[in-house]
Amino acid sequence: MGLFDRIGRVVRGNLNDLVSKAEDPEKILEQTIIDMGEDLIQLKQAFSQTLGSQKRTEGQYKQALKEANSWEQRAKLALSKGEESLAREALVRKKSHTDTATTLKGQLEQQNAQVETMRRNLTALESKIAEAKTKKNMLIARAKAAKANEALQSTMNGLNTSGSMAAFERMENKVLDMEARSQAVEEIGGASLENEFAKLEAGSGVEDELAMLKAQMTGAEEPKGALPEATIEDKAPSENKVLDDEIDKLRRELDNL
């Protein structure tokens, strides 16, 4: 293989690859429907022309048969009148129209076959166009779905999921650390408060005890001659004792009588 042949093959391969990548299914399908519609128009025009030619040939064929029959009647009339030469001339004209009719009949048969073939092709093309229009919408929808899925997969493949998850885990650990520090600060603040109240409670007991000691010491320093004023409870035992003594004395006097 020559150098230029290889270069030509590489160029053609690259061009085919570019064309393949540049093909948009939606645009290609739309253009295909347009092309099929244009083919249908051309086929209808050709069918119309062929049908018109068939009608003309059919009319000419019928006219030739009519002329041939007319000259045959004239030949019969000439013979009935004894005009054999006229009859012969009429038969010559009849043969000419008969030959023309035979030729036209062959053409008409061919045209009839062409018309039937074109009619079938026309019906088939119309059916294909209708089917293509139905499939076009479905294929376009599938192409769009495939393109969207391809774009999604490309996006997913382009994502650095490991890095993203690592960053997510770092942030999660950071939040946990923040919560732990907040809880520690709260516990430290609560402990300090408890300690302050404990100090106050402890201090309160000591102060009370100190006050009691001061009161006792103050009482001990009062003058020895000064007695505390007797209360009702202190006087009650002495008075009871005096009464008991008087009763005992009266009992003894009664016993001596």
C-alpha atoms as a PDB file:
ATOM      1  CA  MET A   1       0.000   0.000   0.000  1.00  0.00           C
ATOM      2  CA  GLY A   2       1.402   3.372  -1.013  1.00  0.00           C
ATOM      3  CA  LEU A   3       1.915   6.320   1.274  1.00  0.00           C
ATOM      4  CA  PHE A   4      -0.790   8.380  -0.406  1.00  0.00           C
ATOM      5  CA  ASP A   5      -3.256   5.507  -0.107  1.00  0.00           C
ATOM      6  CA  ARG A   6      -2.625   5.258   3.621  1.00  0.00           C
ATOM      7  CA  ILE A   7      -2.906   9.014   4.062  1.00  0.00           C
ATOM      8  CA  GLY A   8      -6.167   8.994   2.090  1.00  0.00           C
ATOM      9  CA  ARG A   9      -7.554   6.209   4.265  1.00  0.00           C
ATOM     10  CA  VAL A  10      -6.609   8.065   7.458  1.00  0.00           C
ATOM     11  CA  VAL A  11      -8.234  11.256   6.159  1.00  0.00           C
ATOM     12  CA  ARG A  12     -11.414   9.404   5.173  1.00  0.00           C
ATOM     13  CA  GLY A  13     -11.480   7.657   8.557  1.00  0.00           C
ATOM     14  CA  ASN A  14     -11.162  10.958  10.401  1.00  0.00           C
ATOM     15  CA  LEU A  15     -13.844  12.566   8.241  1.00  0.00           C
ATOM     16  CA  ASN A  16     -16.209   9.657   8.851  1.00  0.00           C
ATOM     17  CA  ASP A  17     -15.559   9.932  12.590  1.00  0.00           C
ATOM     18  CA  LEU A  18     -16.278  13.664  12.543  1.00  0.00           C
ATOM     19  CA  VAL A  19     -19.457  13.121  10.551  1.00  0.00           C
ATOM     20  CA  SER A  20     -20.563  10.389  12.946  1.00  0.00           C
ATOM     21  CA  LYS A  21     -19.959  12.629  15.972  1.00  0.00           C
ATOM     22  CA  ALA A  22     -21.660  15.581  14.312  1.00  0.00           C
ATOM     23  CA  GLU A  23     -24.830  13.619  13.565  1.00  0.00           C
ATOM     24  CA  ASP A  24     -27.651  14.718  15.793  1.00  0.00           C
ATOM     25  CA  PRO A  25     -30.364  12.013  15.884  1.00  0.00           C
ATOM     26  CA  GLU A  26     -33.138  14.576  16.254  1.00  0.00           C
ATOM     27  CA  LYS A  27     -31.960  16.628  13.266  1.00  0.00           C
ATOM     28  CA  ILE A  28     -31.268  13.548  11.145  1.00  0.00           C
ATOM     29  CA  LEU A  29     -34.728  12.121  11.867  1.00  0.00           C
ATOM     30  CA  GLU A  30     -36.388  15.433  11.076  1.00  0.00           C
ATOM     31  CA  GLN A  31     -34.461  15.687   7.801  1.00  0.00           C
ATOM     32  CA  THR A  32     -35.328  12.076   6.965  1.00  0.00           C
ATOM     33  CA  ILE A  33     -39.026  12.816   7.373  1.00  0.00           C
ATOM     34  CA  ILE A  34     -38.599  15.890   5.157  1.00  0.00           C
ATOM     35  CA  ASP A  35     -36.770  13.835   2.497  1.00  0.00           C
ATOM     36  CA  MET A  36     -39.439  11.137   2.595  1.00  0.00           C
ATOM     37  CA  GLY A  37     -42.093  13.825   2.187  1.00  0.00           C
ATOM     38  CA  GLU A  38     -40.290  15.200  -0.855  1.00  0.00           C
ATOM     39  CA  ASP A  39     -40.040  11.683  -2.304  1.00  0.00           C
ATOM     40  CA  LEU A  40     -43.756  11.284  -1.741  1.00  0.00           C
ATOM     41  CA  ILE A  41     -44.449  14.521  -3.595  1.00  0.00           C
ATOM     42  CA  GLN A  42     -42.300  13.428  -6.538  1.00  0.00           C
ATOM     43  CA  LEU A  43     -43.941  10.006  -6.594  1.00  0.00           C
ATOM     44  CA  LYS A  44     -47.378  11.575  -6.584  1.00  0.00           C
ATOM     45  CA  GLN A  45     -46.370  13.828  -9.479  1.00  0.00           C
ATOM     46  CA  ALA A  46     -45.018  10.863 -11.445  1.00  0.00           C
ATOM     47  CA  PHE A  47     -48.141   8.869 -10.637  1.00  0.00           C
ATOM     48  CA  SER A  48     -50.319  11.725 -11.796  1.00  0.00           C
ATOM     49  CA  GLN A  49     -48.398  11.943 -15.075  1.00  0.00           C
ATOM     50  CA  THR A  50     -48.528   8.193 -15.648  1.00  0.00           C
ATOM     51  CA  LEU A  51     -52.215   8.101 -14.826  1.00  0.00           C
ATOM     52  CA  GLY A  52     -52.851  10.967 -17.245  1.00  0.00           C
ATOM     53  CA  SER A  53     -50.917   9.165 -19.981  1.00  0.00           C
ATOM     54  CA  GLN A  54     -52.888   6.002 -19.276  1.00  0.00           C
ATOM     55  CA  LYS A  55     -56.154   7.875 -19.628  1.00  0.00           C
ATOM     56  CA  ARG A  56     -55.024   9.382 -22.936  1.00  0.00           C
ATOM     57  CA  THR A  57     -53.908   6.002 -24.270  1.00  0.00           C
ATOM     58  CA  GLU A  58     -57.164   4.453 -23.140  1.00  0.00           C
ATOM     59  CA  GLY A  59     -59.102   7.182 -24.960  1.00  0.00           C
ATOM     60  CA  GLN A  60     -57.025   6.715 -28.120  1.00  0.00           C
ATOM     61  CA  TYR A  61     -57.511   2.962 -27.918  1.00  0.00           C
ATOM     62  CA  LYS A  62     -61.260   3.295 -27.642  1.00  0.00           C
ATOM     63  CA  GLN A  63     -61.296   5.808 -30.489  1.00  0.00           C
ATOM     64  CA  ALA A  64     -59.269   3.456 -32.745  1.00  0.00           C
ATOM     65  CA  LEU A  65     -61.701   0.612 -32.018  1.00  0.00           C
ATOM     66  CA  LYS A  66     -64.585   2.914 -32.780  1.00  0.00           C
ATOM     67  CA  GLU A  67     -63.008   4.023 -36.087  1.00  0.00           C
ATOM     68  CA  ALA A  68     -62.243   0.436 -37.060  1.00  0.00           C
ATOM     69  CA  ASN A  69     -65.834  -0.584 -36.365  1.00  0.00           C
ATOM     70  CA  SER A  70     -67.092   2.442 -38.313  1.00  0.00           C
ATOM     71  CA  TRP A  71     -65.042   1.570 -41.418  1.00  0.00           C
ATOM     72  CA  GLU A  72     -66.216  -2.003 -41.186  1.00  0.00           C
ATOM     73  CA  GLN A  73     -69.816  -0.790 -41.295  1.00  0.00           C
ATOM     74  CA  ARG A  74     -68.966   1.402 -44.273  1.00  0.00           C
ATOM     75  CA  ALA A  75     -67.378  -1.576 -46.057  1.00  0.00           C
ATOM     76  CA  LYS A  76     -70.550  -3.532 -45.502  1.00  0.00           C
ATOM     77  CA  LEU A  77     -72.609  -0.636 -46.830  1.00  0.00           C
ATOM     78  CA  ALA A  78     -70.421  -0.328 -49.945  1.00  0.00           C
ATOM     79  CA  LEU A  79     -70.717  -4.047 -50.665  1.00  0.00           C
ATOM     80  CA  SER A  80     -74.461  -3.880 -50.221  1.00  0.00           C
ATOM     81  CA  LYS A  81     -74.502  -1.111 -52.819  1.00  0.00           C
ATOM     82  CA  GLY A  82     -72.212  -3.027 -55.205  1.00  0.00           C
ATOM     83  CA  GLU A  83     -69.302  -0.676 -54.581  1.00  0.00           C
ATOM     84  CA  GLU A  84     -66.583  -3.231 -54.073  1.00  0.00           C
ATOM     85  CA  SER A  85     -63.736  -0.737 -54.515  1.00  0.00           C
ATOM     86  CA  LEU A  86     -65.205   1.482 -51.825  1.00  0.00           C
ATOM     87  CA  ALA A  87     -65.667  -1.551 -49.664  1.00  0.00           C
ATOM     88  CA  ARG A  88     -62.019  -2.482 -50.143  1.00  0.00           C
ATOM     89  CA  GLU A  89     -60.903   1.070 -49.261  1.00  0.00           C
ATOM     90  CA  ALA A  90     -63.070   0.995 -46.179  1.00  0.00           C
ATOM     91  CA  LEU A  91     -61.504  -2.284 -45.097  1.00  0.00           C
ATOM     92  CA  VAL A  92     -58.027  -0.792 -45.587  1.00  0.00           C
ATOM     93  CA  ARG A  93     -58.990   2.066 -43.260  1.00  0.00           C
ATOM     94  CA  LYS A  94     -60.470  -0.452 -40.821  1.00  0.00           C
ATOM     95  CA  LYS A  95     -57.189  -2.416 -40.757  1.00  0.00           C
ATOM     96  CA  SER A  96     -55.199   0.749 -40.087  1.00  0.00           C
ATOM     97  CA  HIS A  97     -57.387   1.666 -37.103  1.00  0.00           C
ATOM     98  CA  THR A  98     -57.364  -1.927 -35.925  1.00  0.00           C
ATOM     99  CA  ASP A  99     -53.536  -2.015 -36.001  1.00  0.00           C
ATOM    100  CA  THR A 100     -53.474   1.295 -34.131  1.00  0.00           C
ATOM    101  CA  ALA A 101     -55.886  -0.105 -31.549  1.00  0.00           C
ATOM    102  CA  THR A 102     -53.701  -3.199 -31.136  1.00  0.00           C
ATOM    103  CA  THR A 103     -50.617  -1.051 -30.578  1.00  0.00           C
ATOM    104  CA  LEU A 104     -52.484   1.196 -28.151  1.00  0.00           C
ATOM    105  CA  LYS A 105     -53.780  -1.848 -26.292  1.00  0.00           C
ATOM    106  CA  GLY A 106     -50.203  -3.021 -25.647  1.00  0.00           C
ATOM    107  CA  GLN A 107     -49.211   0.429 -24.414  1.00  0.00           C
ATOM    108  CA  LEU A 108     -52.322   0.616 -22.257  1.00  0.00           C
ATOM    109  CA  GLU A 109     -51.547  -2.712 -20.611  1.00  0.00           C
ATOM    110  CA  GLN A 110     -48.035  -1.521 -19.782  1.00  0.00           C
ATOM    111  CA  GLN A 111     -49.359   1.737 -18.432  1.00  0.00           C
ATOM    112  CA  ASN A 112     -51.956  -0.085 -16.337  1.00  0.00           C
ATOM    113  CA  ALA A 113     -49.189  -2.187 -14.821  1.00  0.00           C
ATOM    114  CA  GLN A 114     -47.112   0.933 -14.149  1.00  0.00           C
ATOM    115  CA  VAL A 115     -50.077   2.698 -12.568  1.00  0.00           C
ATOM    116  CA  GLU A 116     -50.763  -0.266 -10.255  1.00  0.00           C
ATOM    117  CA  THR A 117     -47.088  -0.500  -9.289  1.00  0.00           C
ATOM    118  CA  MET A 118     -46.888   3.209  -8.595  1.00  0.00           C
ATOM    119  CA  ARG A 119     -50.151   3.057  -6.647  1.00  0.00           C
ATOM    120  CA  ARG A 120     -48.745   0.306  -4.404  1.00  0.00           C
ATOM    121  CA  ASN A 121     -45.478   2.213  -3.974  1.00  0.00           C
ATOM    122  CA  LEU A 122     -47.392   5.366  -3.156  1.00  0.00           C
ATOM    123  CA  THR A 123     -49.467   3.587  -0.536  1.00  0.00           C
ATOM    124  CA  ALA A 124     -46.357   1.924   0.920  1.00  0.00           C
ATOM    125  CA  LEU A 125     -44.462   5.224   1.085  1.00  0.00           C
ATOM    126  CA  GLU A 126     -47.369   6.973   2.780  1.00  0.00           C
ATOM    127  CA  SER A 127     -47.525   4.129   5.309  1.00  0.00           C
ATOM    128  CA  LYS A 128     -43.762   4.328   5.915  1.00  0.00           C
ATOM    129  CA  ILE A 129     -43.926   8.076   6.404  1.00  0.00           C
ATOM    130  CA  ALA A 130     -46.745   7.699   8.929  1.00  0.00           C
ATOM    131  CA  GLU A 131     -44.773   4.990  10.745  1.00  0.00           C
ATOM    132  CA  ALA A 132     -41.585   7.068  10.579  1.00  0.00           C
ATOM    133  CA  LYS A 133     -43.360  10.067  12.105  1.00  0.00           C
ATOM    134  CA  THR A 134     -44.572   7.888  14.956  1.00  0.00           C
ATOM    135  CA  LYS A 135     -41.132   6.359  15.524  1.00  0.00           C
ATOM    136  CA  LYS A 136     -39.436   9.733  15.147  1.00  0.00           C
ATOM    137  CA  ASN A 137     -41.005  11.138  18.310  1.00  0.00           C
ATOM    138  CA  MET A 138     -40.160   7.963  20.233  1.00  0.00           C
ATOM    139  CA  LEU A 139     -36.573   7.876  18.950  1.00  0.00           C
ATOM    140  CA  ILE A 140     -36.070  11.564  19.693  1.00  0.00           C
ATOM    141  CA  ALA A 141     -37.335  11.024  23.239  1.00  0.00           C
ATOM    142  CA  ARG A 142     -35.005   8.037  23.658  1.00  0.00           C
ATOM    143  CA  ALA A 143     -32.087  10.004  22.216  1.00  0.00           C
ATOM    144  CA  LYS A 144     -32.722  12.890  24.635  1.00  0.00           C
ATOM    145  CA  ALA A 145     -32.980  10.463  27.555  1.00  0.00           C
ATOM    146  CA  ALA A 146     -29.732   8.749  26.522  1.00  0.00           C
ATOM    147  CA  LYS A 147     -27.982  12.116  26.126  1.00  0.00           C
ATOM    148  CA  ALA A 148     -29.199  13.277  29.549  1.00  0.00           C
ATOM    149  CA  ASN A 149     -28.115  10.008  31.155  1.00  0.00           C
ATOM    150  CA  GLU A 150     -24.706  10.264  29.477  1.00  0.00           C
ATOM    151  CA  ALA A 151     -24.295  13.800  30.786  1.00  0.00           C
ATOM    152  CA  LEU A 152     -25.325  12.655  34.265  1.00  0.00           C
ATOM    153  CA  GLN A 153     -22.862   9.778  34.208  1.00  0.00           C
ATOM    154  CA  SER A 154     -20.105  12.113  33.021  1.00  0.00           C
ATOM    155  CA  THR A 155     -20.904  14.477  35.881  1.00  0.00           C
ATOM    156  CA  MET A 156     -20.931  11.619  38.377  1.00  0.00           C
ATOM    157  CA  ASN A 157     -17.650  10.263  37.052  1.00  0.00           C
ATOM    158  CA  GLY A 158     -16.119  13.728  37.243  1.00  0.00           C
ATOM    159  CA  LEU A 159     -17.008  14.123  40.904  1.00  0.00           C
ATOM    160  CA  ASN A 160     -14.276  13.386  43.456  1.00  0.00           C
ATOM    161  CA  THR A 161     -16.516  11.369  45.756  1.00  0.00           C
ATOM    162  CA  SER A 162     -13.664  10.231  48.009  1.00  0.00           C
ATOM    163  CA  GLY A 163     -12.518  13.810  48.562  1.00  0.00           C
ATOM    164  CA  SER A 164     -16.077  14.996  49.091  1.00  0.00           C
ATOM    165  CA  MET A 165     -16.789  12.262  51.635  1.00  0.00           C
ATOM    166  CA  ALA A 166     -13.515  13.010  53.421  1.00  0.00           C
ATOM    167  CA  ALA A 167     -14.464  16.689  53.656  1.00  0.00           C
ATOM    168  CA  PHE A 168     -17.896  15.711  54.901  1.00  0.00           C
ATOM    169  CA  GLU A 169     -16.392  13.485  57.591  1.00  0.00           C
ATOM    170  CA  ARG A 170     -14.016  16.288  58.638  1.00  0.00           C
ATOM    171  CA  MET A 171     -16.926  18.674  59.071  1.00  0.00           C
ATOM    172  CA  GLU A 172     -18.866  16.050  60.994  1.00  0.00           C
ATOM    173  CA  ASN A 173     -15.938  15.500  63.366  1.00  0.00           C
ATOM    174  CA  LYS A 174     -15.559  19.267  63.738  1.00  0.00           C
ATOM    175  CA  VAL A 175     -19.214  19.608  64.755  1.00  0.00           C
ATOM    176  CA  LEU A 176     -18.777  16.772  67.264  1.00  0.00           C
ATOM    177  CA  ASP A 177     -15.739  18.529  68.728  1.00  0.00           C
ATOM    178  CA  MET A 178     -17.661  21.793  68.995  1.00  0.00           C
ATOM    179  CA  GLU A 179     -20.516  20.008  70.790  1.00  0.00           C
ATOM    180  CA  ALA A 180     -18.055  18.312  73.167  1.00  0.00           C
ATOM    181  CA  ARG A 181     -16.376  21.649  74.017  1.00  0.00           C
ATOM    182  CA  SER A 182     -19.756  23.270  74.589  1.00  0.00           C
ATOM    183  CA  GLN A 183     -20.794  20.462  76.921  1.00  0.00           C
ATOM    184  CA  ALA A 184     -17.469  20.668  78.798  1.00  0.00           C
ATOM    185  CA  VAL A 185     -17.846  24.423  79.275  1.00  0.00           C
ATOM    186  CA  GLU A 186     -21.382  23.900  80.532  1.00  0.00           C
ATOM    187  CA  GLU A 187     -20.239  21.230  83.009  1.00  0.00           C
ATOM    188  CA  ILE A 188     -17.382  23.419  84.231  1.00  0.00           C
ATOM    189  CA  GLY A 189     -19.769  26.337  84.751  1.00  0.00           C
ATOM    190  CA  GLY A 190     -22.183  24.105  86.667  1.00  0.00           C
ATOM    191  CA  ALA A 191     -19.386  22.735  88.849  1.00  0.00           C
ATOM    192  CA  SER A 192     -18.208  26.256  89.693  1.00  0.00           C
ATOM    193  CA  LEU A 193     -21.715  27.214  90.693  1.00  0.00           C
ATOM    194  CA  GLU A 194     -22.020  24.147  92.893  1.00  0.00           C
ATOM    195  CA  ASN A 195     -18.694  24.979  94.524  1.00  0.00           C
ATOM    196  CA  GLU A 196     -19.776  28.550  95.294  1.00  0.00           C
ATOM    197  CA  PHE A 197     -22.964  27.359  96.950  1.00  0.00           C
ATOM    198  CA  ALA A 198     -21.038  24.708  98.880  1.00  0.00           C
ATOM    199  CA  LYS A 199     -18.719  27.398 100.157  1.00  0.00           C
ATOM    200  CA  LEU A 200     -21.655  29.561 101.199  1.00  0.00           C
ATOM    201  CA  GLU A 201     -23.287  26.644 103.007  1.00  0.00           C
ATOM    202  CA  ALA A 202     -20.032  25.717 104.746  1.00  0.00           C
ATOM    203  CA  GLY A 203     -19.377  29.318 105.694  1.00  0.00           C
ATOM    204  CA  SER A 204     -22.889  29.679 107.079  1.00  0.00           C
ATOM    205  CA  GLY A 205     -22.371  26.743 109.509  1.00  0.00           C
ATOM    206  CA  VAL A 206     -19.082  28.111 110.767  1.00  0.00           C
ATOM    207  CA  GLU A 207     -20.539  31.574 111.282  1.00  0.00           C
ATOM    208  CA  ASP A 208     -23.435  30.120 113.288  1.00  0.00           C
ATOM    209  CA  GLU A 209     -21.097  28.134 115.455  1.00  0.00           C
ATOM    210  CA  LEU A 210     -18.897  31.223 115.912  1.00  0.00           C
ATOM    211  CA  ALA A 211     -21.926  33.250 117.011  1.00  0.00           C
ATOM    212  CA  MET A 212     -22.860  30.592 119.563  1.00  0.00           C
ATOM    213  CA  LEU A 213     -19.349  30.598 120.992  1.00  0.00           C
ATOM    214  CA  LYS A 214     -19.403  34.379 121.261  1.00  0.00           C
ATOM    215  CA  ALA A 215     -22.744  34.224 123.124  1.00  0.00           C
ATOM    216  CA  GLN A 216     -21.408  31.623 125.552  1.00  0.00           C
ATOM    217  CA  MET A 217     -18.306  33.636 126.217  1.00  0.00           C
ATOM    218  CA  THR A 218     -20.343  36.796 126.751  1.00  0.00           C
ATOM    219  CA  GLY A 219     -22.523  34.982 129.338  1.00  0.00           C
ATOM    220  CA  ALA A 220     -19.493  33.680 131.215  1.00  0.00           C
ATOM    221  CA  GLU A 221     -18.121  37.184 131.722  1.00  0.00           C
ATOM    222  CA  GLU A 222     -21.256  38.528 133.599  1.00  0.00           C
ATOM    223  CA  PRO A 223     -20.756  39.616 137.450  1.00  0.00           C
ATOM    224  CA  LYS A 224     -20.831  36.747 139.920  1.00  0.00           C
ATOM    225  CA  GLY A 225     -23.214  38.587 142.394  1.00  0.00           C
ATOM    226  CA  ALA A 226     -25.817  39.176 139.828  1.00  0.00           C
ATOM    227  CA  LEU A 227     -28.151  36.234 139.546  1.00  0.00           C
ATOM    228  CA  PRO A 228     -30.400  35.781 136.666  1.00  0.00           C
ATOM    229  CA  GLU A 229     -33.976  36.546 137.249  1.00  0.00           C
ATOM    230  CA  ALA A 230     -35.949  33.416 138.035  1.00  0.00           C
ATOM    231  CA  THR A 231     -38.533  32.384 135.564  1.00  0.00           C
ATOM    232  CA  ILE A 232     -41.907  30.874 136.366  1.00  0.00           C
ATOM    233  CA  GLU A 233     -40.509  27.431 135.668  1.00  0.00           C
ATOM    234  CA  ASP A 234     -37.629  28.047 138.168  1.00  0.00           C
ATOM    235  CA  LYS A 235     -39.961  29.179 140.967  1.00  0.00           C
ATOM    236  CA  ALA A 236     -42.443  26.412 140.749  1.00  0.00           C
ATOM    237  CA  PRO A 237     -40.353  23.624 142.417  1.00  0.00           C
ATOM    238  CA  SER A 238     -39.619  25.742 145.605  1.00  0.00           C
ATOM    239  CA  GLU A 239     -43.230  26.609 146.240  1.00  0.00           C
ATOM    240  CA  ASN A 240     -44.255  22.976 145.891  1.00  0.00           C
ATOM    241  CA  LYS A 241     -41.695  21.910 148.441  1.00  0.00           C
ATOM    242  CA  VAL A 242     -43.053  24.413 151.060  1.00  0.00           C
ATOM    243  CA  LEU A 243     -46.527  23.067 150.632  1.00  0.00           C
ATOM    244  CA  ASP A 244     -45.359  19.500 151.053  1.00  0.00           C
ATOM    245  CA  ASP A 245     -43.566  20.374 154.248  1.00  0.00           C
ATOM    246  CA  GLU A 246     -46.666  22.029 155.755  1.00  0.00           C
ATOM    247  CA  ILE A 247     -48.778  19.023 154.903  1.00  0.00           C
ATOM    248  CA  ASP A 248     -46.315  16.671 156.573  1.00  0.00           C
ATOM    249  CA  LYS A 249     -46.340  18.909 159.669  1.00  0.00           C
ATOM    250  CA  LEU A 250     -50.134  18.805 159.956  1.00  0.00           C
ATOM    251  CA  ARG A 251     -50.079  15.008 159.637  1.00  0.00           C
ATOM    252  CA  ARG A 252     -47.652  14.689 162.515  1.00  0.00           C
ATOM    253  CA  GLU A 253     -49.815  16.945 164.747  1.00  0.00           C
ATOM    254  CA  LEU A 254     -52.868  14.844 164.050  1.00  0.00           C
ATOM    255  CA  ASP A 255     -51.006  11.704 164.910  1.00  0.00           C
ATOM    256  CA  ASN A 256     -50.006  13.139 168.337  1.00  0.00           C
ATOM    257  CA  LEU A 257     -53.583  13.909 169.367  1.00  0.00           C
END
